[in-house]
Protein backbone atom coordinates (compact mmCIF):
# COMPACT_ATOMS: atom_id res chain seq x y z
CA ASP A 1 -73.53 22.98 1.19
CA LEU A 2 -75.52 20.06 2.52
CA PRO A 3 -74.15 17.42 4.33
CA THR A 4 -74.65 14.07 2.96
CA SER A 5 -75.78 13.15 6.45
CA TRP A 6 -78.88 14.86 5.59
CA TYR A 7 -79.44 13.13 2.37
CA PHE A 8 -81.84 10.85 4.05
CA LEU A 9 -84.31 14.00 4.33
CA LEU A 10 -84.46 14.21 0.56
CA ASN A 11 -86.72 11.01 0.19
CA ASN A 12 -89.84 13.18 -0.28
CA LEU A 13 -88.48 16.14 -2.16
CA HIS A 14 -90.74 16.84 -5.19
CA HIS A 15 -89.52 20.28 -6.15
CA LEU A 16 -86.19 21.83 -5.89
CA GLU A 17 -85.29 25.30 -6.85
CA PHE A 18 -82.22 27.36 -7.25
CA ARG A 19 -82.28 30.95 -7.22
CA ARG A 20 -78.66 31.59 -6.95
CA ASN A 21 -75.50 30.04 -8.18
CA VAL A 22 -74.72 27.06 -6.80
CA HIS A 23 -71.39 25.62 -5.24
CA MET A 24 -71.94 22.00 -5.96
CA SER A 25 -70.22 19.69 -8.51
CA ALA A 26 -71.99 17.53 -11.26
CA THR A 27 -70.78 14.46 -8.91
CA ASP A 28 -72.22 16.02 -5.74
CA PHE A 29 -75.51 16.64 -7.69
CA ALA A 30 -75.46 13.20 -8.94
CA HIS A 31 -75.23 12.04 -5.32
CA PHE A 32 -78.09 14.47 -4.35
CA LEU A 33 -80.40 13.32 -7.16
CA THR A 34 -79.87 9.80 -5.94
CA ASN A 35 -81.12 10.42 -2.80
CA ALA A 36 -84.22 12.53 -3.93
CA PRO A 37 -86.15 9.78 -5.64
CA GLN A 38 -89.38 11.74 -5.81
CA LEU A 39 -88.03 14.86 -7.48
CA GLN A 40 -90.31 15.78 -10.31
CA SER A 41 -90.11 19.73 -10.60
CA LEU A 42 -86.75 21.65 -11.22
CA THR A 43 -86.31 25.68 -11.08
CA LEU A 44 -83.03 27.25 -11.74
CA LEU A 45 -80.84 29.61 -13.52
CA ILE A 46 -79.38 28.20 -16.89
CA SER A 47 -75.80 28.63 -15.53
CA VAL A 48 -76.59 26.28 -12.68
CA LEU A 49 -78.11 23.90 -15.09
CA ILE A 50 -74.92 24.04 -17.50
CA LYS A 51 -72.79 23.53 -13.93
CA LEU A 52 -74.48 20.99 -12.54
CA THR A 53 -74.81 18.95 -15.82
CA ASP A 54 -71.04 19.73 -16.47
CA SER A 55 -72.00 21.39 -19.76
CA PHE A 56 -74.75 18.67 -20.42
CA THR A 57 -71.85 16.11 -20.52
CA ASN A 58 -72.33 14.21 -17.14
CA LYS A 59 -74.12 11.20 -18.10
CA THR A 60 -75.16 10.19 -14.59
CA VAL A 61 -76.85 13.61 -13.94
CA CYS A 62 -78.46 13.95 -17.32
CA ASP A 63 -79.92 10.71 -17.27
CA GLN A 64 -81.34 11.09 -13.68
CA LEU A 65 -82.73 14.17 -14.86
CA SER A 66 -84.10 12.76 -17.79
CA GLN A 67 -85.93 9.94 -16.24
CA ARG A 68 -87.64 12.19 -13.64
CA ILE A 69 -88.30 15.79 -14.18
CA GLN A 70 -91.62 16.84 -15.33
CA SER A 71 -91.83 20.44 -14.83
CA LEU A 72 -88.56 22.41 -15.75
CA THR A 73 -88.29 26.04 -15.21
CA ILE A 74 -85.13 28.11 -16.38
CA PHE A 75 -85.98 31.72 -15.15
CA ASP A 76 -82.87 33.64 -16.19
CA CYS A 77 -82.02 34.52 -19.95
CA LEU A 78 -80.48 31.64 -21.93
CA SER A 79 -78.08 33.83 -23.43
CA ASN A 80 -77.06 35.83 -20.40
CA HIS A 81 -75.65 32.80 -18.63
CA ASP A 82 -71.94 33.24 -17.31
CA TYR A 83 -70.92 30.00 -16.83
CA ASP A 84 -69.85 29.01 -20.35
CA ARG A 85 -70.13 31.80 -22.79
CA ASN A 86 -69.00 29.67 -25.78
CA MET A 87 -72.44 27.61 -25.53
CA LYS A 88 -74.85 28.92 -28.16
CA HIS A 89 -78.62 29.35 -27.60
CA VAL A 90 -79.67 26.66 -29.97
CA HIS A 91 -76.92 24.36 -28.40
CA ILE A 92 -78.40 24.85 -24.90
CA LEU A 93 -82.03 24.26 -26.46
CA SER A 94 -80.90 21.03 -28.13
CA ASN A 95 -79.54 19.70 -24.80
CA ILE A 96 -82.61 20.67 -23.05
CA VAL A 97 -84.52 18.68 -25.45
CA ARG A 98 -82.07 15.82 -25.22
CA ILE A 99 -82.11 15.64 -21.51
CA PHE A 100 -85.70 16.45 -20.56
CA GLY A 101 -87.54 15.39 -23.81
CA ASN A 102 -88.85 12.20 -22.70
CA THR A 103 -90.46 12.92 -19.52
CA CYS A 104 -90.97 16.75 -19.34
CA LYS A 105 -94.43 17.95 -19.52
CA HIS A 106 -94.24 21.48 -18.46
CA LEU A 107 -91.37 23.85 -19.74
CA SER A 108 -90.80 27.47 -19.13
CA LEU A 109 -88.09 29.56 -20.60
CA ASN A 110 -86.70 33.18 -20.71
CA LEU A 111 -85.60 33.95 -24.35
CA ALA A 112 -83.44 36.78 -25.69
CA THR A 113 -84.24 36.35 -29.25
CA VAL A 114 -87.39 35.11 -31.39
CA SER A 115 -85.70 32.18 -32.99
CA GLN A 116 -87.76 30.53 -36.34
CA THR A 117 -86.22 27.15 -34.79
CA VAL A 118 -87.27 27.51 -30.80
CA LEU A 119 -90.73 25.96 -31.27
CA ARG A 120 -89.44 23.37 -33.88
CA VAL A 121 -86.78 22.47 -31.64
CA LEU A 122 -88.99 22.17 -28.41
CA GLY A 123 -91.35 20.34 -30.61
CA ASN A 124 -89.42 17.51 -30.27
CA MET A 125 -90.17 17.01 -26.57
CA ARG A 126 -92.39 14.09 -26.91
CA GLN A 127 -94.17 14.61 -23.57
CA LEU A 128 -94.48 18.51 -23.43
CA HIS A 129 -98.04 19.70 -22.65
CA SER A 130 -97.44 23.28 -22.16
CA LEU A 131 -94.73 25.61 -22.88
CA HIS A 132 -94.07 29.15 -21.32
CA ILE A 133 -91.78 31.55 -23.26
CA HIS A 134 -91.09 34.84 -21.24
CA TYR A 135 -89.86 37.53 -23.91
CA PRO A 136 -89.35 41.05 -22.56
CA SER A 137 -90.57 43.55 -24.86
CA TRP A 138 -87.48 45.62 -24.40
CA ARG A 139 -85.60 42.77 -26.30
CA CYS A 140 -87.50 43.44 -29.57
CA LYS A 141 -88.26 46.85 -31.32
CA SER A 142 -91.92 46.14 -31.28
CA TYR A 143 -94.29 43.80 -29.24
CA ILE A 144 -95.80 43.00 -32.96
CA SER A 145 -92.68 41.67 -34.20
CA ALA A 146 -91.95 39.21 -31.25
CA THR A 147 -95.84 38.05 -31.54
CA PHE A 148 -95.14 37.66 -35.37
CA GLY A 149 -92.01 35.57 -34.87
CA PHE A 150 -93.59 33.11 -32.40
CA LYS A 151 -96.76 32.84 -34.78
CA GLN A 152 -94.42 31.84 -37.71
CA SER A 153 -92.62 29.17 -35.42
CA THR A 154 -95.85 27.74 -34.64
CA SER A 155 -97.07 27.43 -38.37
CA ALA A 156 -93.85 25.88 -39.03
CA ILE A 157 -94.76 22.80 -36.87
CA ASP A 158 -98.40 22.15 -37.34
CA VAL A 159 -100.58 24.71 -35.75
CA SER A 160 -103.77 22.49 -35.28
CA ASP A 161 -101.50 20.63 -32.56
CA PHE A 162 -100.97 24.15 -30.52
CA ILE A 163 -103.04 26.75 -28.99
CA TYR A 164 -101.05 29.89 -28.92
CA THR A 165 -101.91 32.75 -26.41
CA PRO A 166 -99.61 36.07 -26.47
CA ASP A 167 -99.92 38.04 -23.13
CA HIS A 168 -97.89 40.97 -23.34
CA VAL A 169 -94.40 39.37 -22.74
CA ASN A 170 -95.41 35.77 -21.94
CA PHE A 171 -96.33 33.25 -24.79
CA TYR A 172 -98.11 30.16 -23.86
CA VAL A 173 -98.30 27.10 -26.11
CA TRP A 174 -100.56 23.94 -25.12
CA PHE A 175 -99.70 21.11 -26.97
CA GLU A 176 -102.45 18.55 -27.58
CA LYS A 177 -101.55 15.04 -26.77
């Protein structure tokens, strides 16, 4: 736990990374964010994001993240979180779009399933320039079907707005803005 007397040191913090679960309430995180006005980049576990936003319901935290975060990396699998097992994958994605859709330019996710709605949902992020989806090949019977699923998702939006590049287990989409 970071003592509040250290908060003045956060003035120039641009990137914050949580590699493990965190013992911080949403209220404490709101104070932390208030004292880190330059924060633009966030890397964390989905369970940490769910916890720090109070299952995406803490308006103060969500508003601060919405106004500032331009780069978001969620490095664990969206469906393998252990904070709120009742939260569905699409609900998590919808909340990510709701919170980060106005300012996030770069998004990196680890997905458990290829969903036809993934790119359609994420396509609603107005400022998004690049999307990286890590999709481990062991999650799918074959790499070809994962590639096919992502290609179908991109064609559902407007393929002319995307450059799609699969690279083994990583899928990159660049949005023309």
